[in-house]
Amino acid sequence: MRFSNEDDLASNFNERYQILIANNDALRNDAYRVRYQVFCKKLGYEMDNRDGLESDEFDRDSLHILLRERGSLNPVGCFRLVMPQRSGRIWLPFDIYGVPHVDRSLFNWNHVNHARSVEVSRLVINAPARRIGTQGDASSNSSFLVTTLFYAVSAMVIRLNVENVFMVIEPSLGRLTSRFGFKLDQISPPFEYYGQRATFTTTGLRAHAEALTLKTPWRHLLNVIEQQLFAEISAQRVA
């Protein structure tokens, strides 16, 4: 797959969208609202929700990333990084629904640093999908926006010095992100969990190495995403 106008990906994204760490209740509620609109209303999943917000017990121990339109501030996508549970019955949420399906011939748990692992979940886009080529605008395409969220995952795990990254996603998402430089290893067969899902993994070191080898347009896009995500931190350093 090749997106139209690849040379303009970074500038188009920067003009139209903003991606940021949801570091207050209002921004986190925007993320929960996107999740409700897609998971509960569109897909009909029976997930905990209240007042048009989908949220669960793991949200308070998570970092939330929000994607929104720059002009309207309309939220169009999100994901969360769930941090390891310091106490309780599980380590990460996928302990319950993902770990039991992992093929141990494909993955060695002895190499996992549990304290420096994260789970990526609730990754969703709620934006109208337009076919590439109808208007020549890659930034309107839902596949492109999903890719930008995975680039944000990469930026976050690199910045946080995460060792192990896990996610339970549709197998097609794993294939999609691999086309654009963010490679995931599928370590389970597909299984039923709100549709067909599989467990995937990567590492922070691998994400960093892949970022350095991206083709120029996609490296520029990752740079813009990094700048947007960490703008507040950069401003604090300057001050």
C-alpha atoms as a PDB file:
ATOM      1  CA  MET A   1       0.000   0.000   0.000  1.00  0.00           C
ATOM      2  CA  ARG A   2       1.268   3.471  -0.875  1.00  0.00           C
ATOM      3  CA  PHE A   3      -0.388   6.636   0.341  1.00  0.00           C
ATOM      4  CA  SER A   4      -0.858   9.546  -2.025  1.00  0.00           C
ATOM      5  CA  ASN A   5       1.308  12.619  -1.432  1.00  0.00           C
ATOM      6  CA  GLU A   6       3.643  10.829   0.971  1.00  0.00           C
ATOM      7  CA  ASP A   7       6.008  13.810   0.970  1.00  0.00           C
ATOM      8  CA  ASP A   8       3.271  15.923   2.579  1.00  0.00           C
ATOM      9  CA  LEU A   9       2.225  13.446   5.284  1.00  0.00           C
ATOM     10  CA  ALA A  10       3.881  15.254   8.176  1.00  0.00           C
ATOM     11  CA  SER A  11       2.739  18.754   7.240  1.00  0.00           C
ATOM     12  CA  ASN A  12      -0.803  17.605   6.421  1.00  0.00           C
ATOM     13  CA  PHE A  13      -1.066  15.778   9.722  1.00  0.00           C
ATOM     14  CA  ASN A  14       0.313  18.755  11.647  1.00  0.00           C
ATOM     15  CA  GLU A  15      -2.156  21.127  10.011  1.00  0.00           C
ATOM     16  CA  ARG A  16      -5.205  18.949  10.577  1.00  0.00           C
ATOM     17  CA  TYR A  17      -4.608  16.994  13.777  1.00  0.00           C
ATOM     18  CA  GLN A  18      -3.219  17.249  17.250  1.00  0.00           C
ATOM     19  CA  ILE A  19      -2.045  14.278  19.294  1.00  0.00           C
ATOM     20  CA  LEU A  20      -1.389  14.768  22.973  1.00  0.00           C
ATOM     21  CA  ILE A  21      -1.110  13.143  26.354  1.00  0.00           C
ATOM     22  CA  ALA A  22      -4.511  13.381  28.051  1.00  0.00           C
ATOM     23  CA  ASN A  23      -3.233  14.751  31.345  1.00  0.00           C
ATOM     24  CA  ASN A  24      -6.456  16.128  32.796  1.00  0.00           C
ATOM     25  CA  ASP A  25     -10.016  14.932  33.345  1.00  0.00           C
ATOM     26  CA  ALA A  26     -11.458  16.833  30.385  1.00  0.00           C
ATOM     27  CA  LEU A  27      -9.020  15.291  27.908  1.00  0.00           C
ATOM     28  CA  ARG A  28      -9.375  11.832  29.412  1.00  0.00           C
ATOM     29  CA  ASN A  29     -13.167  12.135  29.146  1.00  0.00           C
ATOM     30  CA  ASP A  30     -12.731  12.952  25.453  1.00  0.00           C
ATOM     31  CA  ALA A  31     -10.849   9.664  25.091  1.00  0.00           C
ATOM     32  CA  TYR A  32     -13.508   7.771  27.030  1.00  0.00           C
ATOM     33  CA  ARG A  33     -16.158   9.371  24.806  1.00  0.00           C
ATOM     34  CA  VAL A  34     -14.459   8.154  21.617  1.00  0.00           C
ATOM     35  CA  ARG A  35     -14.258   4.681  23.112  1.00  0.00           C
ATOM     36  CA  TYR A  36     -17.953   4.726  23.967  1.00  0.00           C
ATOM     37  CA  GLN A  37     -18.976   5.917  20.503  1.00  0.00           C
ATOM     38  CA  VAL A  38     -17.027   3.164  18.759  1.00  0.00           C
ATOM     39  CA  PHE A  39     -17.024   0.193  21.118  1.00  0.00           C
ATOM     40  CA  CYS A  40     -20.458   0.575  22.700  1.00  0.00           C
ATOM     41  CA  LYS A  41     -22.577   2.401  20.128  1.00  0.00           C
ATOM     42  CA  LYS A  42     -21.111   1.388  16.755  1.00  0.00           C
ATOM     43  CA  LEU A  43     -19.897  -2.098  17.576  1.00  0.00           C
ATOM     44  CA  GLY A  44     -22.383  -2.908  20.328  1.00  0.00           C
ATOM     45  CA  TYR A  45     -19.829  -4.322  22.767  1.00  0.00           C
ATOM     46  CA  GLU A  46     -21.069  -4.781  26.322  1.00  0.00           C
ATOM     47  CA  MET A  47     -18.423  -2.709  28.061  1.00  0.00           C
ATOM     48  CA  ASP A  48     -18.721  -0.667  31.232  1.00  0.00           C
ATOM     49  CA  ASN A  49     -20.012   2.798  30.393  1.00  0.00           C
ATOM     50  CA  ARG A  50     -21.775   5.709  32.015  1.00  0.00           C
ATOM     51  CA  ASP A  51     -22.993   9.057  30.687  1.00  0.00           C
ATOM     52  CA  GLY A  52     -21.572   8.372  27.243  1.00  0.00           C
ATOM     53  CA  LEU A  53     -18.098   7.446  28.519  1.00  0.00           C
ATOM     54  CA  GLU A  54     -16.498   3.991  28.356  1.00  0.00           C
ATOM     55  CA  SER A  55     -14.051   3.419  31.183  1.00  0.00           C
ATOM     56  CA  ASP A  56     -12.806   0.606  33.392  1.00  0.00           C
ATOM     57  CA  GLU A  57     -10.705  -0.090  36.479  1.00  0.00           C
ATOM     58  CA  PHE A  58      -7.404   0.052  34.602  1.00  0.00           C
ATOM     59  CA  ASP A  59      -7.794   3.608  33.351  1.00  0.00           C
ATOM     60  CA  ARG A  60      -6.514   5.184  36.549  1.00  0.00           C
ATOM     61  CA  ASP A  61      -3.182   3.342  36.155  1.00  0.00           C
ATOM     62  CA  SER A  62      -2.814   4.252  32.486  1.00  0.00           C
ATOM     63  CA  LEU A  63      -1.367   6.981  30.320  1.00  0.00           C
ATOM     64  CA  HIS A  64      -3.994   8.119  27.808  1.00  0.00           C
ATOM     65  CA  ILE A  65      -3.219   9.493  24.356  1.00  0.00           C
ATOM     66  CA  LEU A  66      -5.837  11.518  22.484  1.00  0.00           C
ATOM     67  CA  LEU A  67      -5.992  12.346  18.770  1.00  0.00           C
ATOM     68  CA  ARG A  68      -8.225  15.264  17.815  1.00  0.00           C
ATOM     69  CA  GLU A  69      -8.914  17.584  14.929  1.00  0.00           C
ATOM     70  CA  ARG A  70      -6.906  20.752  15.288  1.00  0.00           C
ATOM     71  CA  GLY A  71      -9.573  23.246  14.244  1.00  0.00           C
ATOM     72  CA  SER A  72     -12.643  21.854  15.977  1.00  0.00           C
ATOM     73  CA  LEU A  73     -10.829  19.998  18.790  1.00  0.00           C
ATOM     74  CA  ASN A  74     -13.179  17.122  17.968  1.00  0.00           C
ATOM     75  CA  PRO A  75     -11.682  13.877  19.377  1.00  0.00           C
ATOM     76  CA  VAL A  76     -11.207  11.235  16.674  1.00  0.00           C
ATOM     77  CA  GLY A  77      -8.950   8.600  18.222  1.00  0.00           C
ATOM     78  CA  CYS A  78      -7.154   7.386  21.322  1.00  0.00           C
ATOM     79  CA  PHE A  79      -5.246   4.619  23.052  1.00  0.00           C
ATOM     80  CA  ARG A  80      -3.893   3.946  26.501  1.00  0.00           C
ATOM     81  CA  LEU A  81      -0.677   2.557  27.940  1.00  0.00           C
ATOM     82  CA  VAL A  82      -1.582   0.428  30.945  1.00  0.00           C
ATOM     83  CA  MET A  83       1.194   0.309  33.515  1.00  0.00           C
ATOM     84  CA  PRO A  84       2.052  -2.856  35.482  1.00  0.00           C
ATOM     85  CA  GLN A  85      -0.165  -3.421  38.484  1.00  0.00           C
ATOM     86  CA  ARG A  86       1.857  -3.132  41.689  1.00  0.00           C
ATOM     87  CA  SER A  87      -0.625  -5.183  43.644  1.00  0.00           C
ATOM     88  CA  GLY A  88      -3.658  -7.277  42.937  1.00  0.00           C
ATOM     89  CA  ARG A  89      -4.449 -10.472  41.127  1.00  0.00           C
ATOM     90  CA  ILE A  90      -3.008  -9.583  37.719  1.00  0.00           C
ATOM     91  CA  TRP A  91       0.100  -7.987  36.227  1.00  0.00           C
ATOM     92  CA  LEU A  92      -1.491  -6.356  33.149  1.00  0.00           C
ATOM     93  CA  PRO A  93      -5.092  -6.700  31.907  1.00  0.00           C
ATOM     94  CA  PHE A  94      -4.133  -9.148  29.176  1.00  0.00           C
ATOM     95  CA  ASP A  95      -3.181 -11.580  31.948  1.00  0.00           C
ATOM     96  CA  ILE A  96      -6.877 -12.472  31.881  1.00  0.00           C
ATOM     97  CA  TYR A  97      -7.706 -12.653  28.170  1.00  0.00           C
ATOM     98  CA  GLY A  98      -4.426 -12.651  26.215  1.00  0.00           C
ATOM     99  CA  VAL A  99      -1.738 -14.537  28.117  1.00  0.00           C
ATOM    100  CA  PRO A 100      -3.634 -17.867  28.174  1.00  0.00           C
ATOM    101  CA  HIS A 101      -3.527 -17.969  24.364  1.00  0.00           C
ATOM    102  CA  VAL A 102       0.183 -17.221  23.960  1.00  0.00           C
ATOM    103  CA  ASP A 103       2.112 -19.934  22.139  1.00  0.00           C
ATOM    104  CA  ARG A 104       5.155 -20.520  24.330  1.00  0.00           C
ATOM    105  CA  SER A 105       7.102 -21.842  21.363  1.00  0.00           C
ATOM    106  CA  LEU A 106       6.853 -18.318  19.905  1.00  0.00           C
ATOM    107  CA  PHE A 107       7.636 -16.321  23.026  1.00  0.00           C
ATOM    108  CA  ASN A 108       9.986 -16.739  25.983  1.00  0.00           C
ATOM    109  CA  TRP A 109       8.521 -15.270  29.160  1.00  0.00           C
ATOM    110  CA  ASN A 110      11.924 -15.538  30.866  1.00  0.00           C
ATOM    111  CA  HIS A 111      13.094 -12.520  28.860  1.00  0.00           C
ATOM    112  CA  VAL A 112      10.301 -10.239  30.098  1.00  0.00           C
ATOM    113  CA  ASN A 113      10.978  -7.437  32.539  1.00  0.00           C
ATOM    114  CA  HIS A 114       7.592  -7.292  34.249  1.00  0.00           C
ATOM    115  CA  ALA A 115       8.294  -3.987  35.990  1.00  0.00           C
ATOM    116  CA  ARG A 116       9.120  -2.244  32.705  1.00  0.00           C
ATOM    117  CA  SER A 117       6.335  -3.635  30.550  1.00  0.00           C
ATOM    118  CA  VAL A 118       3.178  -1.950  29.294  1.00  0.00           C
ATOM    119  CA  GLU A 119       0.000  -3.033  27.590  1.00  0.00           C
ATOM    120  CA  VAL A 120      -1.414  -0.978  24.726  1.00  0.00           C
ATOM    121  CA  SER A 121      -5.193  -1.145  24.616  1.00  0.00           C
ATOM    122  CA  ARG A 122      -8.386   0.740  23.719  1.00  0.00           C
ATOM    123  CA  LEU A 123      -6.756   1.858  20.467  1.00  0.00           C
ATOM    124  CA  VAL A 124      -9.542   3.221  18.302  1.00  0.00           C
ATOM    125  CA  ILE A 125     -10.304   5.672  15.497  1.00  0.00           C
ATOM    126  CA  ASN A 126     -13.693   7.343  15.149  1.00  0.00           C
ATOM    127  CA  ALA A 127     -13.346   9.245  11.899  1.00  0.00           C
ATOM    128  CA  PRO A 128     -14.951   8.905   8.449  1.00  0.00           C
ATOM    129  CA  ALA A 129     -12.814   6.745   6.202  1.00  0.00           C
ATOM    130  CA  ARG A 130     -12.176   7.973   2.673  1.00  0.00           C
ATOM    131  CA  ARG A 131     -10.416   5.994   0.029  1.00  0.00           C
ATOM    132  CA  ILE A 132      -6.972   7.136  -0.909  1.00  0.00           C
ATOM    133  CA  GLY A 133      -7.086   8.524  -4.414  1.00  0.00           C
ATOM    134  CA  THR A 134     -10.621   9.935  -4.343  1.00  0.00           C
ATOM    135  CA  GLN A 135      -9.246  13.219  -3.039  1.00  0.00           C
ATOM    136  CA  GLY A 136      -5.567  12.366  -2.902  1.00  0.00           C
ATOM    137  CA  ASP A 137      -5.568  13.054   0.821  1.00  0.00           C
ATOM    138  CA  ALA A 138      -3.844  10.449   2.951  1.00  0.00           C
ATOM    139  CA  SER A 139      -4.658  12.280   6.174  1.00  0.00           C
ATOM    140  CA  SER A 140      -8.375  11.582   5.707  1.00  0.00           C
ATOM    141  CA  ASN A 141      -7.847   7.829   5.553  1.00  0.00           C
ATOM    142  CA  SER A 142      -8.629   5.756   8.628  1.00  0.00           C
ATOM    143  CA  SER A 143      -5.680   3.409   7.959  1.00  0.00           C
ATOM    144  CA  PHE A 144      -3.364   6.409   7.996  1.00  0.00           C
ATOM    145  CA  LEU A 145      -4.823   7.656  11.277  1.00  0.00           C
ATOM    146  CA  VAL A 146      -4.438   4.211  12.858  1.00  0.00           C
ATOM    147  CA  THR A 147      -0.802   4.267  11.713  1.00  0.00           C
ATOM    148  CA  THR A 148      -0.278   7.629  13.401  1.00  0.00           C
ATOM    149  CA  LEU A 149      -1.567   6.144  16.661  1.00  0.00           C
ATOM    150  CA  PHE A 150       0.941   3.315  16.408  1.00  0.00           C
ATOM    151  CA  TYR A 151       3.688   5.852  15.742  1.00  0.00           C
ATOM    152  CA  ALA A 152       2.564   7.551  18.936  1.00  0.00           C
ATOM    153  CA  VAL A 153       2.845   4.182  20.717  1.00  0.00           C
ATOM    154  CA  SER A 154       6.413   3.947  19.442  1.00  0.00           C
ATOM    155  CA  ALA A 155       7.221   7.487  20.582  1.00  0.00           C
ATOM    156  CA  MET A 156       5.805   6.844  24.041  1.00  0.00           C
ATOM    157  CA  VAL A 157       7.561   3.537  24.710  1.00  0.00           C
ATOM    158  CA  ILE A 158      10.870   5.014  23.550  1.00  0.00           C
ATOM    159  CA  ARG A 159      10.467   8.090  25.764  1.00  0.00           C
ATOM    160  CA  LEU A 160       9.421   6.004  28.774  1.00  0.00           C
ATOM    161  CA  ASN A 161      12.250   3.499  28.235  1.00  0.00           C
ATOM    162  CA  VAL A 162       9.787   0.600  28.162  1.00  0.00           C
ATOM    163  CA  GLU A 163      11.285  -2.844  27.609  1.00  0.00           C
ATOM    164  CA  ASN A 164       8.292  -5.019  26.683  1.00  0.00           C
ATOM    165  CA  VAL A 165       5.112  -3.955  24.898  1.00  0.00           C
ATOM    166  CA  PHE A 166       2.034  -6.163  24.629  1.00  0.00           C
ATOM    167  CA  MET A 167      -1.296  -5.693  22.903  1.00  0.00           C
ATOM    168  CA  VAL A 168      -4.323  -7.772  21.978  1.00  0.00           C
ATOM    169  CA  ILE A 169      -5.588  -6.532  18.619  1.00  0.00           C
ATOM    170  CA  GLU A 170      -7.118  -7.641  15.354  1.00  0.00           C
ATOM    171  CA  PRO A 171      -4.506  -9.560  13.324  1.00  0.00           C
ATOM    172  CA  SER A 172      -5.076  -7.169  10.410  1.00  0.00           C
ATOM    173  CA  LEU A 173      -3.831  -4.263  12.555  1.00  0.00           C
ATOM    174  CA  GLY A 174      -0.577  -6.078  13.187  1.00  0.00           C
ATOM    175  CA  ARG A 175      -0.091  -6.500   9.463  1.00  0.00           C
ATOM    176  CA  LEU A 176      -1.006  -2.878   8.756  1.00  0.00           C
ATOM    177  CA  THR A 177       1.513  -1.369  11.141  1.00  0.00           C
ATOM    178  CA  SER A 178       4.281  -3.629   9.869  1.00  0.00           C
ATOM    179  CA  ARG A 179       3.934  -2.022   6.439  1.00  0.00           C
ATOM    180  CA  PHE A 180       4.937   1.321   7.860  1.00  0.00           C
ATOM    181  CA  GLY A 181       7.888   0.411  10.025  1.00  0.00           C
ATOM    182  CA  PHE A 182       6.321  -0.488  13.385  1.00  0.00           C
ATOM    183  CA  LYS A 183       6.701  -4.249  13.465  1.00  0.00           C
ATOM    184  CA  LEU A 184       4.869  -6.516  15.884  1.00  0.00           C
ATOM    185  CA  ASP A 185       5.354 -10.207  16.594  1.00  0.00           C
ATOM    186  CA  GLN A 186       2.181 -12.257  16.763  1.00  0.00           C
ATOM    187  CA  ILE A 187       2.633 -14.693  19.630  1.00  0.00           C
ATOM    188  CA  SER A 188      -0.776 -16.349  19.721  1.00  0.00           C
ATOM    189  CA  PRO A 189      -3.251 -17.786  17.255  1.00  0.00           C
ATOM    190  CA  PRO A 190      -6.412 -15.745  16.710  1.00  0.00           C
ATOM    191  CA  PHE A 191      -9.022 -16.135  19.426  1.00  0.00           C
ATOM    192  CA  GLU A 192     -12.438 -14.713  20.187  1.00  0.00           C
ATOM    193  CA  TYR A 193     -12.411 -11.579  22.336  1.00  0.00           C
ATOM    194  CA  TYR A 194     -14.793  -8.891  21.109  1.00  0.00           C
ATOM    195  CA  GLY A 195     -14.227 -10.374  17.659  1.00  0.00           C
ATOM    196  CA  GLN A 196     -11.109 -12.099  16.385  1.00  0.00           C
ATOM    197  CA  ARG A 197      -7.995 -10.958  18.257  1.00  0.00           C
ATOM    198  CA  ALA A 198      -4.428 -12.131  18.738  1.00  0.00           C
ATOM    199  CA  THR A 199      -1.671 -11.253  21.182  1.00  0.00           C
ATOM    200  CA  PHE A 200       1.227  -9.222  19.783  1.00  0.00           C
ATOM    201  CA  THR A 201       4.464  -7.962  21.270  1.00  0.00           C
ATOM    202  CA  THR A 202       7.505  -5.820  20.583  1.00  0.00           C
ATOM    203  CA  THR A 203      10.218  -4.099  22.613  1.00  0.00           C
ATOM    204  CA  GLY A 204      11.268  -0.533  23.210  1.00  0.00           C
ATOM    205  CA  LEU A 205      14.733  -1.229  21.794  1.00  0.00           C
ATOM    206  CA  ARG A 206      13.205  -2.589  18.612  1.00  0.00           C
ATOM    207  CA  ALA A 207      10.870   0.387  18.285  1.00  0.00           C
ATOM    208  CA  HIS A 208      13.834   2.752  18.613  1.00  0.00           C
ATOM    209  CA  ALA A 209      15.836   0.879  15.982  1.00  0.00           C
ATOM    210  CA  GLU A 210      12.888   0.861  13.584  1.00  0.00           C
ATOM    211  CA  ALA A 211      12.329   4.593  14.074  1.00  0.00           C
ATOM    212  CA  LEU A 212      15.871   5.249  12.857  1.00  0.00           C
ATOM    213  CA  THR A 213      15.312   3.306   9.631  1.00  0.00           C
ATOM    214  CA  LEU A 214      11.947   4.766   8.572  1.00  0.00           C
ATOM    215  CA  LYS A 215      11.715   6.214   5.088  1.00  0.00           C
ATOM    216  CA  THR A 216      12.046   9.993   5.102  1.00  0.00           C
ATOM    217  CA  PRO A 217       8.326  10.971   4.847  1.00  0.00           C
ATOM    218  CA  TRP A 218       7.408   8.599   7.647  1.00  0.00           C
ATOM    219  CA  ARG A 219      10.372   9.686   9.790  1.00  0.00           C
ATOM    220  CA  HIS A 220       9.158  13.273   9.417  1.00  0.00           C
ATOM    221  CA  LEU A 221       5.677  12.175  10.468  1.00  0.00           C
ATOM    222  CA  LEU A 222       7.076  10.446  13.563  1.00  0.00           C
ATOM    223  CA  ASN A 223       9.050  13.604  14.364  1.00  0.00           C
ATOM    224  CA  VAL A 224       5.863  15.697  14.231  1.00  0.00           C
ATOM    225  CA  ILE A 225       4.026  13.217  16.442  1.00  0.00           C
ATOM    226  CA  GLU A 226       6.888  13.268  18.963  1.00  0.00           C
ATOM    227  CA  GLN A 227       6.933  17.069  18.960  1.00  0.00           C
ATOM    228  CA  GLN A 228       3.207  17.261  19.573  1.00  0.00           C
ATOM    229  CA  LEU A 229       3.183  14.617  22.301  1.00  0.00           C
ATOM    230  CA  PHE A 230       6.046  16.135  24.248  1.00  0.00           C
ATOM    231  CA  ALA A 231       5.491  19.832  23.505  1.00  0.00           C
ATOM    232  CA  GLU A 232       4.501  20.574  27.099  1.00  0.00           C
ATOM    233  CA  ILE A 233       7.593  18.841  28.469  1.00  0.00           C
ATOM    234  CA  SER A 234       9.818  20.746  26.029  1.00  0.00           C
ATOM    235  CA  ALA A 235       8.203  24.050  27.009  1.00  0.00           C
ATOM    236  CA  GLN A 236       8.844  23.351  30.691  1.00  0.00           C
ATOM    237  CA  ARG A 237      12.522  22.677  29.987  1.00  0.00           C
ATOM    238  CA  VAL A 238      12.876  25.964  28.096  1.00  0.00           C
ATOM    239  CA  ALA A 239      11.198  27.861  30.927  1.00  0.00           C
END
